[in-house]
């Protein structure tokens, strides 16, 4: 009978953006498109190539963590985002 080798954990650290999302993900694309000037969901969808549903869900996530604010004209990044640990 063959014995199995013990599995080893890969310990590669992925880089994260200013809001804590992993680089290269849809969330990071949305975060990169955010500015301090208010933008609508549709503006962000156009800039990222993602659908509005995905943008809306991520905006809720960012709002819950106090990284962005919602205005009458759309969503905007705060000047100094909080760092998440």
C-alpha atoms as a PDB file:
ATOM      1  CA  UNK A   1       0.000   0.000   0.000  1.00  0.00           C
ATOM      2  CA  UNK A   2       1.335   3.427  -0.937  1.00  0.00           C
ATOM      3  CA  UNK A   3       1.728   6.012   1.789  1.00  0.00           C
ATOM      4  CA  UNK A   4       0.601   9.552   1.234  1.00  0.00           C
ATOM      5  CA  UNK A   5       3.005  12.395   1.682  1.00  0.00           C
ATOM      6  CA  UNK A   6       1.881  15.021   4.164  1.00  0.00           C
ATOM      7  CA  UNK A   7       0.543  18.103   2.471  1.00  0.00           C
ATOM      8  CA  UNK A   8       2.394  21.333   2.956  1.00  0.00           C
ATOM      9  CA  UNK A   9       0.781  24.721   3.237  1.00  0.00           C
ATOM     10  CA  UNK A  10       1.729  27.272   0.653  1.00  0.00           C
ATOM     11  CA  UNK A  11       2.613  30.477   2.380  1.00  0.00           C
ATOM     12  CA  UNK A  12       2.560  32.939  -0.468  1.00  0.00           C
ATOM     13  CA  UNK A  13       1.381  36.343   0.592  1.00  0.00           C
ATOM     14  CA  UNK A  14      -0.707  38.174  -1.943  1.00  0.00           C
ATOM     15  CA  UNK A  15      -0.416  41.913  -2.211  1.00  0.00           C
ATOM     16  CA  UNK A  16      -3.404  44.016  -1.291  1.00  0.00           C
ATOM     17  CA  UNK A  17      -4.656  47.414  -2.366  1.00  0.00           C
ATOM     18  CA  UNK A  18      -5.439  50.419  -0.170  1.00  0.00           C
ATOM     19  CA  UNK A  19      -8.837  48.977   0.827  1.00  0.00           C
ATOM     20  CA  UNK A  20      -7.563  45.491   1.617  1.00  0.00           C
ATOM     21  CA  UNK A  21      -8.632  43.681  -1.568  1.00  0.00           C
ATOM     22  CA  UNK A  22      -6.206  41.306  -3.268  1.00  0.00           C
ATOM     23  CA  UNK A  23      -4.558  42.712  -6.385  1.00  0.00           C
ATOM     24  CA  UNK A  24      -5.980  41.372  -9.641  1.00  0.00           C
ATOM     25  CA  UNK A  25      -9.491  40.720  -8.314  1.00  0.00           C
ATOM     26  CA  UNK A  26     -12.736  42.358  -9.406  1.00  0.00           C
ATOM     27  CA  UNK A  27     -12.803  44.179  -6.074  1.00  0.00           C
ATOM     28  CA  UNK A  28      -9.363  45.648  -6.733  1.00  0.00           C
ATOM     29  CA  UNK A  29     -10.520  46.837 -10.174  1.00  0.00           C
ATOM     30  CA  UNK A  30     -13.439  48.658  -8.581  1.00  0.00           C
ATOM     31  CA  UNK A  31     -11.215  50.123  -5.862  1.00  0.00           C
ATOM     32  CA  UNK A  32      -8.759  51.399  -8.468  1.00  0.00           C
ATOM     33  CA  UNK A  33     -11.579  53.170 -10.315  1.00  0.00           C
ATOM     34  CA  UNK A  34     -12.790  54.985  -7.182  1.00  0.00           C
ATOM     35  CA  UNK A  35     -11.840  58.629  -6.806  1.00  0.00           C
ATOM     36  CA  UNK A  36     -12.616  61.384  -4.313  1.00  0.00           C
ATOM     37  CA  UNK A  37     -15.073  62.757  -6.897  1.00  0.00           C
ATOM     38  CA  UNK A  38     -18.522  61.083  -6.634  1.00  0.00           C
ATOM     39  CA  UNK A  39     -19.257  58.468  -9.310  1.00  0.00           C
ATOM     40  CA  UNK A  40     -22.430  56.540 -10.028  1.00  0.00           C
ATOM     41  CA  UNK A  41     -22.675  52.755 -10.157  1.00  0.00           C
ATOM     42  CA  UNK A  42     -22.999  53.018 -13.945  1.00  0.00           C
ATOM     43  CA  UNK A  43     -19.833  55.159 -14.202  1.00  0.00           C
ATOM     44  CA  UNK A  44     -17.868  52.602 -12.211  1.00  0.00           C
ATOM     45  CA  UNK A  45     -19.296  49.728 -14.269  1.00  0.00           C
ATOM     46  CA  UNK A  46     -18.237  51.464 -17.464  1.00  0.00           C
ATOM     47  CA  UNK A  47     -14.742  52.156 -16.111  1.00  0.00           C
ATOM     48  CA  UNK A  48     -14.169  48.588 -14.883  1.00  0.00           C
ATOM     49  CA  UNK A  49     -16.101  46.518 -17.426  1.00  0.00           C
ATOM     50  CA  UNK A  50     -18.002  44.796 -14.596  1.00  0.00           C
ATOM     51  CA  UNK A  51     -21.780  44.573 -14.226  1.00  0.00           C
ATOM     52  CA  UNK A  52     -23.708  46.985 -12.022  1.00  0.00           C
ATOM     53  CA  UNK A  53     -24.782  44.244  -9.616  1.00  0.00           C
ATOM     54  CA  UNK A  54     -21.136  43.424  -8.821  1.00  0.00           C
ATOM     55  CA  UNK A  55     -20.333  47.120  -8.339  1.00  0.00           C
ATOM     56  CA  UNK A  56     -23.353  47.643  -6.062  1.00  0.00           C
ATOM     57  CA  UNK A  57     -22.415  44.711  -3.824  1.00  0.00           C
ATOM     58  CA  UNK A  58     -18.849  45.931  -3.498  1.00  0.00           C
ATOM     59  CA  UNK A  59     -20.026  49.457  -2.676  1.00  0.00           C
ATOM     60  CA  UNK A  60     -22.082  48.000   0.209  1.00  0.00           C
ATOM     61  CA  UNK A  61     -18.970  46.138   1.414  1.00  0.00           C
ATOM     62  CA  UNK A  62     -16.873  49.323   1.286  1.00  0.00           C
ATOM     63  CA  UNK A  63     -19.580  51.378   3.012  1.00  0.00           C
ATOM     64  CA  UNK A  64     -19.833  48.846   5.840  1.00  0.00           C
ATOM     65  CA  UNK A  65     -16.112  49.227   6.451  1.00  0.00           C
ATOM     66  CA  UNK A  66     -16.221  53.044   6.233  1.00  0.00           C
ATOM     67  CA  UNK A  67     -13.833  53.215   3.252  1.00  0.00           C
ATOM     68  CA  UNK A  68     -16.182  55.267   1.064  1.00  0.00           C
ATOM     69  CA  UNK A  69     -19.088  57.636   1.450  1.00  0.00           C
ATOM     70  CA  UNK A  70     -22.352  57.880  -0.462  1.00  0.00           C
ATOM     71  CA  UNK A  71     -23.499  61.249  -1.753  1.00  0.00           C
ATOM     72  CA  UNK A  72     -26.442  62.399  -3.849  1.00  0.00           C
ATOM     73  CA  UNK A  73     -24.195  62.135  -6.929  1.00  0.00           C
ATOM     74  CA  UNK A  74     -22.746  58.685  -6.228  1.00  0.00           C
ATOM     75  CA  UNK A  75     -19.969  57.043  -4.266  1.00  0.00           C
ATOM     76  CA  UNK A  76     -16.583  58.530  -3.472  1.00  0.00           C
ATOM     77  CA  UNK A  77     -13.440  57.348  -1.761  1.00  0.00           C
ATOM     78  CA  UNK A  78     -12.486  59.013   1.467  1.00  0.00           C
ATOM     79  CA  UNK A  79      -9.249  60.948   1.297  1.00  0.00           C
ATOM     80  CA  UNK A  80      -7.458  58.645   3.747  1.00  0.00           C
ATOM     81  CA  UNK A  81      -8.931  55.136   3.790  1.00  0.00           C
ATOM     82  CA  UNK A  82      -8.809  53.202   7.022  1.00  0.00           C
ATOM     83  CA  UNK A  83      -6.350  50.348   6.963  1.00  0.00           C
ATOM     84  CA  UNK A  84      -7.738  46.945   7.772  1.00  0.00           C
ATOM     85  CA  UNK A  85      -5.626  44.422   9.639  1.00  0.00           C
END
